Amino acid sequence: EARKLARILLRSARYGALAVLDPATGFPFASRVL
């Protein structure tokens, strides 16, 4: 049941928040992506 919910949350998302590591500062950087 948990796996199914996780798959639906991922596959039904039109967009999400993406966090990466900024190479210039080393700080986490979050942005919205399709």
PDB file of all heavy atoms in Angstrom:
ATOM      1  N   GLU A   1       0.831  -1.209   0.000  1.00  0.00           N
ATOM      2  CA  GLU A   1       0.000   0.000   0.000  1.00  0.00           C
ATOM      3  C   GLU A   1       0.865   1.258   0.000  1.00  0.00           C
ATOM      4  O   GLU A   1       0.580   2.226  -0.713  1.00  0.00           O
ATOM      5  CB  GLU A   1      -0.924  -0.002   1.213  1.00  0.00           C
ATOM      6  CG  GLU A   1      -1.853   1.207   1.279  1.00  0.00           C
ATOM      7  CD  GLU A   1      -2.758   1.196   2.491  1.00  0.00           C
ATOM      8  OE1 GLU A   1      -2.739   0.196   3.238  1.00  0.00           O
ATOM      9  OE2 GLU A   1      -3.479   2.191   2.700  1.00  0.00           O
ATOM     10  N   ALA A   2       1.950   1.233   0.794  1.00  0.00           N
ATOM     11  CA  ALA A   2       2.859   2.383   0.830  1.00  0.00           C
ATOM     12  C   ALA A   2       3.581   2.535  -0.508  1.00  0.00           C
ATOM     13  O   ALA A   2       3.758   3.659  -0.999  1.00  0.00           O
ATOM     14  CB  ALA A   2       3.868   2.210   1.960  1.00  0.00           C
ATOM     15  N   ARG A   3       3.999   1.433  -1.085  1.00  0.00           N
ATOM     16  CA  ARG A   3       4.691   1.493  -2.385  1.00  0.00           C
ATOM     17  C   ARG A   3       3.769   2.075  -3.460  1.00  0.00           C
ATOM     18  O   ARG A   3       4.181   2.888  -4.296  1.00  0.00           O
ATOM     19  CB  ARG A   3       5.185   0.107  -2.790  1.00  0.00           C
ATOM     20  CG  ARG A   3       6.269  -0.459  -1.871  1.00  0.00           C
ATOM     21  CD  ARG A   3       6.789  -1.783  -2.404  1.00  0.00           C
ATOM     22  NE  ARG A   3       7.759  -2.371  -1.493  1.00  0.00           N
ATOM     23  CZ  ARG A   3       7.464  -3.284  -0.573  1.00  0.00           C
ATOM     24  NH1 ARG A   3       6.201  -3.719  -0.452  1.00  0.00           N
ATOM     25  NH2 ARG A   3       8.393  -3.764   0.229  1.00  0.00           N
ATOM     26  N   LYS A   4       2.514   1.652  -3.446  1.00  0.00           N
ATOM     27  CA  LYS A   4       1.556   2.156  -4.445  1.00  0.00           C
ATOM     28  C   LYS A   4       1.333   3.648  -4.273  1.00  0.00           C
ATOM     29  O   LYS A   4       1.317   4.400  -5.255  1.00  0.00           O
ATOM     30  CB  LYS A   4       0.236   1.403  -4.327  1.00  0.00           C
ATOM     31  CG  LYS A   4      -0.807   1.855  -5.354  1.00  0.00           C
ATOM     32  CD  LYS A   4      -2.081   1.054  -5.236  1.00  0.00           C
ATOM     33  CE  LYS A   4      -3.110   1.505  -6.275  1.00  0.00           C
ATOM     34  NZ  LYS A   4      -4.366   0.725  -6.174  1.00  0.00           N
ATOM     35  N   LEU A   5       1.170   4.103  -3.037  1.00  0.00           N
ATOM     36  CA  LEU A   5       0.993   5.531  -2.789  1.00  0.00           C
ATOM     37  C   LEU A   5       2.205   6.311  -3.269  1.00  0.00           C
ATOM     38  O   LEU A   5       2.066   7.369  -3.896  1.00  0.00           O
ATOM     39  CB  LEU A   5       0.756   5.777  -1.298  1.00  0.00           C
ATOM     40  CG  LEU A   5       0.667   7.252  -0.869  1.00  0.00           C
ATOM     41  CD1 LEU A   5      -0.443   7.979  -1.608  1.00  0.00           C
ATOM     42  CD2 LEU A   5       0.466   7.343   0.651  1.00  0.00           C
ATOM     43  N   ALA A   6       3.399   5.802  -3.008  1.00  0.00           N
ATOM     44  CA  ALA A   6       4.615   6.485  -3.442  1.00  0.00           C
ATOM     45  C   ALA A   6       4.678   6.583  -4.956  1.00  0.00           C
ATOM     46  O   ALA A   6       5.009   7.637  -5.518  1.00  0.00           O
ATOM     47  CB  ALA A   6       5.841   5.751  -2.907  1.00  0.00           C
ATOM     48  N   ARG A   7       4.333   5.490  -5.635  1.00  0.00           N
ATOM     49  CA  ARG A   7       4.363   5.509  -7.100  1.00  0.00           C
ATOM     50  C   ARG A   7       3.365   6.516  -7.659  1.00  0.00           C
ATOM     51  O   ARG A   7       3.655   7.235  -8.622  1.00  0.00           O
ATOM     52  CB  ARG A   7       4.077   4.104  -7.637  1.00  0.00           C
ATOM     53  CG  ARG A   7       5.158   3.081  -7.331  1.00  0.00           C
ATOM     54  CD  ARG A   7       4.968   1.815  -8.144  1.00  0.00           C
ATOM     55  NE  ARG A   7       3.728   1.118  -7.823  1.00  0.00           N
ATOM     56  CZ  ARG A   7       3.624   0.101  -6.971  1.00  0.00           C
ATOM     57  NH1 ARG A   7       4.707  -0.313  -6.304  1.00  0.00           N
ATOM     58  NH2 ARG A   7       2.472  -0.501  -6.762  1.00  0.00           N
ATOM     59  N   ILE A   8       2.187   6.581  -7.058  1.00  0.00           N
ATOM     60  CA  ILE A   8       1.168   7.518  -7.533  1.00  0.00           C
ATOM     61  C   ILE A   8       1.609   8.959  -7.293  1.00  0.00           C
ATOM     62  O   ILE A   8       1.440   9.829  -8.157  1.00  0.00           O
ATOM     63  CB  ILE A   8      -0.182   7.227  -6.850  1.00  0.00           C
ATOM     64  CG1 ILE A   8      -0.749   5.909  -7.371  1.00  0.00           C
ATOM     65  CG2 ILE A   8      -1.173   8.368  -7.079  1.00  0.00           C
ATOM     66  CD1 ILE A   8      -2.019   5.456  -6.668  1.00  0.00           C
ATOM     67  N   LEU A   9       2.184   9.239  -6.133  1.00  0.00           N
ATOM     68  CA  LEU A   9       2.666  10.595  -5.841  1.00  0.00           C
ATOM     69  C   LEU A   9       3.731  11.030  -6.841  1.00  0.00           C
ATOM     70  O   LEU A   9       3.795  12.200  -7.231  1.00  0.00           O
ATOM     71  CB  LEU A   9       3.229  10.665  -4.423  1.00  0.00           C
ATOM     72  CG  LEU A   9       2.220  10.605  -3.284  1.00  0.00           C
ATOM     73  CD1 LEU A   9       2.944  10.483  -1.947  1.00  0.00           C
ATOM     74  CD2 LEU A   9       1.311  11.820  -3.288  1.00  0.00           C
ATOM     75  N   LEU A  10       4.564  10.107  -7.262  1.00  0.00           N
ATOM     76  CA  LEU A  10       5.636  10.429  -8.200  1.00  0.00           C
ATOM     77  C   LEU A  10       5.105  10.549  -9.628  1.00  0.00           C
ATOM     78  O   LEU A  10       5.428  11.497 -10.343  1.00  0.00           O
ATOM     79  CB  LEU A  10       6.722   9.353  -8.134  1.00  0.00           C
ATOM     80  CG  LEU A  10       8.004   9.631  -8.911  1.00  0.00           C
ATOM     81  CD1 LEU A  10       8.683  10.897  -8.407  1.00  0.00           C
ATOM     82  CD2 LEU A  10       8.954   8.440  -8.814  1.00  0.00           C
ATOM     83  N   ARG A  11       4.260   9.614 -10.031  1.00  0.00           N
ATOM     84  CA  ARG A  11       3.836   9.551 -11.434  1.00  0.00           C
ATOM     85  C   ARG A  11       2.687  10.491 -11.776  1.00  0.00           C
ATOM     86  O   ARG A  11       2.439  10.754 -12.953  1.00  0.00           O
ATOM     87  CB  ARG A  11       3.475   8.106 -11.794  1.00  0.00           C
ATOM     88  CG  ARG A  11       4.682   7.180 -11.711  1.00  0.00           C
ATOM     89  CD  ARG A  11       4.325   5.723 -11.841  1.00  0.00           C
ATOM     90  NE  ARG A  11       5.488   4.893 -11.508  1.00  0.00           N
ATOM     91  CZ  ARG A  11       5.440   3.581 -11.335  1.00  0.00           C
ATOM     92  NH1 ARG A  11       4.282   2.935 -11.449  1.00  0.00           N
ATOM     93  NH2 ARG A  11       6.537   2.913 -11.031  1.00  0.00           N
ATOM     94  N   SER A  12       1.988  10.986 -10.767  1.00  0.00           N
ATOM     95  CA  SER A  12       0.893  11.916 -11.033  1.00  0.00           C
ATOM     96  C   SER A  12       1.315  13.368 -10.900  1.00  0.00           C
ATOM     97  O   SER A  12       0.508  14.278 -11.105  1.00  0.00           O
ATOM     98  CB  SER A  12      -0.286  11.639 -10.087  1.00  0.00           C
ATOM     99  OG  SER A  12       0.082  11.881  -8.736  1.00  0.00           O
ATOM    100  N   ALA A  13       2.567  13.612 -10.572  1.00  0.00           N
ATOM    101  CA  ALA A  13       3.041  14.986 -10.350  1.00  0.00           C
ATOM    102  C   ALA A  13       3.336  15.683 -11.674  1.00  0.00           C
ATOM    103  O   ALA A  13       4.109  15.176 -12.489  1.00  0.00           O
ATOM    104  CB  ALA A  13       4.292  14.972  -9.468  1.00  0.00           C
ATOM    105  N   ARG A  14       2.748  16.842 -11.885  1.00  0.00           N
ATOM    106  CA  ARG A  14       3.057  17.655 -13.060  1.00  0.00           C
ATOM    107  C   ARG A  14       4.350  18.435 -12.855  1.00  0.00           C
ATOM    108  O   ARG A  14       5.020  18.815 -13.815  1.00  0.00           O
ATOM    109  CB  ARG A  14       1.934  18.639 -13.354  1.00  0.00           C
ATOM    110  CG  ARG A  14       0.627  17.999 -13.775  1.00  0.00           C
ATOM    111  CD  ARG A  14      -0.446  19.040 -14.056  1.00  0.00           C
ATOM    112  NE  ARG A  14      -0.061  19.904 -15.164  1.00  0.00           N
ATOM    113  CZ  ARG A  14       0.212  21.195 -15.035  1.00  0.00           C
ATOM    114  NH1 ARG A  14       0.200  21.772 -13.842  1.00  0.00           N
ATOM    115  NH2 ARG A  14       0.530  21.925 -16.087  1.00  0.00           N
ATOM    116  N   TYR A  15       4.672  18.695 -11.607  1.00  0.00           N
ATOM    117  CA  TYR A  15       5.888  19.431 -11.268  1.00  0.00           C
ATOM    118  C   TYR A  15       6.344  18.982  -9.883  1.00  0.00           C
ATOM    119  O   TYR A  15       5.626  18.276  -9.160  1.00  0.00           O
ATOM    120  CB  TYR A  15       5.639  20.948 -11.277  1.00  0.00           C
ATOM    121  CG  TYR A  15       4.591  21.396 -10.303  1.00  0.00           C
ATOM    122  CD1 TYR A  15       4.912  21.719  -8.990  1.00  0.00           C
ATOM    123  CD2 TYR A  15       3.258  21.486 -10.691  1.00  0.00           C
ATOM    124  CE1 TYR A  15       3.951  22.119  -8.084  1.00  0.00           C
ATOM    125  CE2 TYR A  15       2.280  21.888  -9.802  1.00  0.00           C
ATOM    126  CZ  TYR A  15       2.626  22.200  -8.498  1.00  0.00           C
ATOM    127  OH  TYR A  15       1.667  22.584  -7.611  1.00  0.00           O
ATOM    128  N   GLY A  16       7.549  19.383  -9.526  1.00  0.00           N
ATOM    129  CA  GLY A  16       8.071  19.035  -8.212  1.00  0.00           C
ATOM    130  C   GLY A  16       9.140  20.023  -7.801  1.00  0.00           C
ATOM    131  O   GLY A  16       9.539  20.899  -8.583  1.00  0.00           O
ATOM    132  N   ALA A  17       9.598  19.888  -6.578  1.00  0.00           N
ATOM    133  CA  ALA A  17      10.706  20.706  -6.081  1.00  0.00           C
ATOM    134  C   ALA A  17      11.982  19.877  -6.183  1.00  0.00           C
ATOM    135  O   ALA A  17      12.063  18.783  -5.625  1.00  0.00           O
ATOM    136  CB  ALA A  17      10.462  21.133  -4.638  1.00  0.00           C
ATOM    137  N   LEU A  18      12.952  20.378  -6.926  1.00  0.00           N
ATOM    138  CA  LEU A  18      14.218  19.686  -7.132  1.00  0.00           C
ATOM    139  C   LEU A  18      15.302  20.373  -6.324  1.00  0.00           C
ATOM    140  O   LEU A  18      15.520  21.585  -6.451  1.00  0.00           O
ATOM    141  CB  LEU A  18      14.592  19.691  -8.614  1.00  0.00           C
ATOM    142  CG  LEU A  18      15.890  18.969  -8.971  1.00  0.00           C
ATOM    143  CD1 LEU A  18      15.688  17.455  -8.876  1.00  0.00           C
ATOM    144  CD2 LEU A  18      16.356  19.356 -10.374  1.00  0.00           C
ATOM    145  N   ALA A  19      15.990  19.604  -5.480  1.00  0.00           N
ATOM    146  CA  ALA A  19      17.094  20.148  -4.677  1.00  0.00           C
ATOM    147  C   ALA A  19      18.409  19.574  -5.203  1.00  0.00           C
ATOM    148  O   ALA A  19      18.536  18.361  -5.403  1.00  0.00           O
ATOM    149  CB  ALA A  19      16.922  19.810  -3.205  1.00  0.00           C
ATOM    150  N   VAL A  20      19.374  20.454  -5.430  1.00  0.00           N
ATOM    151  CA  VAL A  20      20.696  20.073  -5.929  1.00  0.00           C
ATOM    152  C   VAL A  20      21.743  20.770  -5.065  1.00  0.00           C
ATOM    153  O   VAL A  20      21.407  21.542  -4.166  1.00  0.00           O
ATOM    154  CB  VAL A  20      20.865  20.487  -7.414  1.00  0.00           C
ATOM    155  CG1 VAL A  20      19.905  19.708  -8.302  1.00  0.00           C
ATOM    156  CG2 VAL A  20      20.633  21.995  -7.582  1.00  0.00           C
ATOM    157  N   LEU A  21      22.999  20.483  -5.350  1.00  0.00           N
ATOM    158  CA  LEU A  21      24.097  21.144  -4.646  1.00  0.00           C
ATOM    159  C   LEU A  21      24.728  22.180  -5.565  1.00  0.00           C
ATOM    160  O   LEU A  21      25.290  21.843  -6.608  1.00  0.00           O
ATOM    161  CB  LEU A  21      25.141  20.115  -4.198  1.00  0.00           C
ATOM    162  CG  LEU A  21      24.654  19.100  -3.169  1.00  0.00           C
ATOM    163  CD1 LEU A  21      25.729  18.046  -2.897  1.00  0.00           C
ATOM    164  CD2 LEU A  21      24.261  19.802  -1.870  1.00  0.00           C
ATOM    165  N   ASP A  22      24.620  23.438  -5.180  1.00  0.00           N
ATOM    166  CA  ASP A  22      25.153  24.535  -5.985  1.00  0.00           C
ATOM    167  C   ASP A  22      26.674  24.421  -6.035  1.00  0.00           C
ATOM    168  O   ASP A  22      27.344  24.506  -5.007  1.00  0.00           O
ATOM    169  CB  ASP A  22      24.742  25.866  -5.351  1.00  0.00           C
ATOM    170  CG  ASP A  22      25.086  27.060  -6.222  1.00  0.00           C
ATOM    171  OD1 ASP A  22      26.013  26.962  -7.047  1.00  0.00           O
ATOM    172  OD2 ASP A  22      24.432  28.106  -6.077  1.00  0.00           O
ATOM    173  N   PRO A  23      27.260  24.221  -7.227  1.00  0.00           N
ATOM    174  CA  PRO A  23      28.720  24.044  -7.300  1.00  0.00           C
ATOM    175  C   PRO A  23      29.497  25.302  -6.907  1.00  0.00           C
ATOM    176  O   PRO A  23      30.658  25.214  -6.527  1.00  0.00           O
ATOM    177  CB  PRO A  23      28.950  23.687  -8.776  1.00  0.00           C
ATOM    178  CG  PRO A  23      27.772  24.248  -9.496  1.00  0.00           C
ATOM    179  CD  PRO A  23      26.622  24.135  -8.540  1.00  0.00           C
ATOM    180  N   ALA A  24      28.848  26.443  -6.979  1.00  0.00           N
ATOM    181  CA  ALA A  24      29.546  27.684  -6.664  1.00  0.00           C
ATOM    182  C   ALA A  24      29.673  27.905  -5.162  1.00  0.00           C
ATOM    183  O   ALA A  24      30.654  28.487  -4.683  1.00  0.00           O
ATOM    184  CB  ALA A  24      28.821  28.876  -7.296  1.00  0.00           C
ATOM    185  N   THR A  25      28.681  27.430  -4.392  1.00  0.00           N
ATOM    186  CA  THR A  25      28.660  27.702  -2.956  1.00  0.00           C
ATOM    187  C   THR A  25      28.661  26.445  -2.095  1.00  0.00           C
ATOM    188  O   THR A  25      28.992  26.510  -0.905  1.00  0.00           O
ATOM    189  CB  THR A  25      27.410  28.520  -2.589  1.00  0.00           C
ATOM    190  OG1 THR A  25      26.239  27.719  -2.821  1.00  0.00           O
ATOM    191  CG2 THR A  25      27.329  29.794  -3.418  1.00  0.00           C
ATOM    192  N   GLY A  26      28.271  25.313  -2.674  1.00  0.00           N
ATOM    193  CA  GLY A  26      28.140  24.080  -1.907  1.00  0.00           C
ATOM    194  C   GLY A  26      26.836  23.978  -1.140  1.00  0.00           C
ATOM    195  O   GLY A  26      26.549  22.949  -0.523  1.00  0.00           O
ATOM    196  N   PHE A  27      26.023  25.030  -1.181  1.00  0.00           N
ATOM    197  CA  PHE A  27      24.752  25.017  -0.463  1.00  0.00           C
ATOM    198  C   PHE A  27      23.683  24.275  -1.265  1.00  0.00           C
ATOM    199  O   PHE A  27      23.700  24.278  -2.507  1.00  0.00           O
ATOM    200  CB  PHE A  27      24.263  26.447  -0.218  1.00  0.00           C
ATOM    201  CG  PHE A  27      24.837  27.086   1.004  1.00  0.00           C
ATOM    202  CD1 PHE A  27      26.048  27.759   0.943  1.00  0.00           C
ATOM    203  CD2 PHE A  27      24.170  27.013   2.222  1.00  0.00           C
ATOM    204  CE1 PHE A  27      26.593  28.354   2.075  1.00  0.00           C
ATOM    205  CE2 PHE A  27      24.706  27.600   3.356  1.00  0.00           C
ATOM    206  CZ  PHE A  27      25.923  28.273   3.285  1.00  0.00           C
ATOM    207  N   PRO A  28      22.708  23.662  -0.584  1.00  0.00           N
ATOM    208  CA  PRO A  28      21.560  23.100  -1.297  1.00  0.00           C
ATOM    209  C   PRO A  28      20.808  24.209  -2.031  1.00  0.00           C
ATOM    210  O   PRO A  28      20.671  25.324  -1.516  1.00  0.00           O
ATOM    211  CB  PRO A  28      20.706  22.488  -0.183  1.00  0.00           C
ATOM    212  CG  PRO A  28      21.652  22.263   0.948  1.00  0.00           C
ATOM    213  CD  PRO A  28      22.658  23.376   0.859  1.00  0.00           C
ATOM    214  N   PHE A  29      20.346  23.889  -3.217  1.00  0.00           N
ATOM    215  CA  PHE A  29      19.599  24.844  -4.038  1.00  0.00           C
ATOM    216  C   PHE A  29      18.340  24.142  -4.515  1.00  0.00           C
ATOM    217  O   PHE A  29      18.403  23.086  -5.143  1.00  0.00           O
ATOM    218  CB  PHE A  29      20.446  25.300  -5.229  1.00  0.00           C
ATOM    219  CG  PHE A  29      19.734  26.257  -6.154  1.00  0.00           C
ATOM    220  CD1 PHE A  29      19.801  27.626  -5.946  1.00  0.00           C
ATOM    221  CD2 PHE A  29      19.005  25.786  -7.238  1.00  0.00           C
ATOM    222  CE1 PHE A  29      19.144  28.514  -6.793  1.00  0.00           C
ATOM    223  CE2 PHE A  29      18.352  26.668  -8.093  1.00  0.00           C
ATOM    224  CZ  PHE A  29      18.417  28.035  -7.877  1.00  0.00           C
ATOM    225  N   ALA A  30      17.176  24.707  -4.217  1.00  0.00           N
ATOM    226  CA  ALA A  30      15.899  24.097  -4.587  1.00  0.00           C
ATOM    227  C   ALA A  30      15.200  24.939  -5.641  1.00  0.00           C
ATOM    228  O   ALA A  30      15.238  26.176  -5.602  1.00  0.00           O
ATOM    229  CB  ALA A  30      15.005  23.940  -3.361  1.00  0.00           C
ATOM    230  N   SER A  31      14.562  24.255  -6.577  1.00  0.00           N
ATOM    231  CA  SER A  31      13.867  24.942  -7.651  1.00  0.00           C
ATOM    232  C   SER A  31      12.680  24.103  -8.092  1.00  0.00           C
ATOM    233  O   SER A  31      12.633  22.892  -7.856  1.00  0.00           O
ATOM    234  CB  SER A  31      14.820  25.166  -8.835  1.00  0.00           C
ATOM    235  OG  SER A  31      14.180  25.876  -9.874  1.00  0.00           O
ATOM    236  N   ARG A  32      11.710  24.737  -8.723  1.00  0.00           N
ATOM    237  CA  ARG A  32      10.548  24.013  -9.247  1.00  0.00           C
ATOM    238  C   ARG A  32      10.825  23.588 -10.684  1.00  0.00           C
ATOM    239  O   ARG A  32      11.335  24.361 -11.492  1.00  0.00           O
ATOM    240  CB  ARG A  32       9.301  24.894  -9.200  1.00  0.00           C
ATOM    241  CG  ARG A  32       8.045  24.223  -9.743  1.00  0.00           C
ATOM    242  CD  ARG A  32       6.831  25.121  -9.591  1.00  0.00           C
ATOM    243  NE  ARG A  32       6.532  25.332  -8.190  1.00  0.00           N
ATOM    244  CZ  ARG A  32       5.835  26.381  -7.734  1.00  0.00           C
ATOM    245  NH1 ARG A  32       5.429  27.310  -8.575  1.00  0.00           N
ATOM    246  NH2 ARG A  32       5.589  26.484  -6.447  1.00  0.00           N
ATOM    247  N   VAL A  33      10.474  22.334 -10.998  1.00  0.00           N
ATOM    248  CA  VAL A  33      10.692  21.796 -12.337  1.00  0.00           C
ATOM    249  C   VAL A  33       9.442  21.064 -12.802  1.00  0.00           C
ATOM    250  O   VAL A  33       8.682  20.509 -12.000  1.00  0.00           O
ATOM    251  CB  VAL A  33      11.893  20.816 -12.369  1.00  0.00           C
ATOM    252  CG1 VAL A  33      13.204  21.562 -12.151  1.00  0.00           C
ATOM    253  CG2 VAL A  33      11.727  19.710 -11.329  1.00  0.00           C
ATOM    254  N   LEU A  34       9.218  21.079 -14.118  1.00  0.00           N
ATOM    255  CA  LEU A  34       8.167  20.256 -14.705  1.00  0.00           C
ATOM    256  C   LEU A  34       8.620  18.805 -14.689  1.00  0.00           C
ATOM    257  O   LEU A  34       9.802  18.507 -14.901  1.00  0.00           O
ATOM    258  CB  LEU A  34       7.882  20.681 -16.144  1.00  0.00           C
ATOM    259  CG  LEU A  34       7.215  22.030 -16.368  1.00  0.00           C
ATOM    260  CD1 LEU A  34       6.962  22.233 -17.858  1.00  0.00           C
ATOM    261  CD2 LEU A  34       5.919  22.154 -15.591  1.00  0.00           C
TER     262      LEU A  34
END
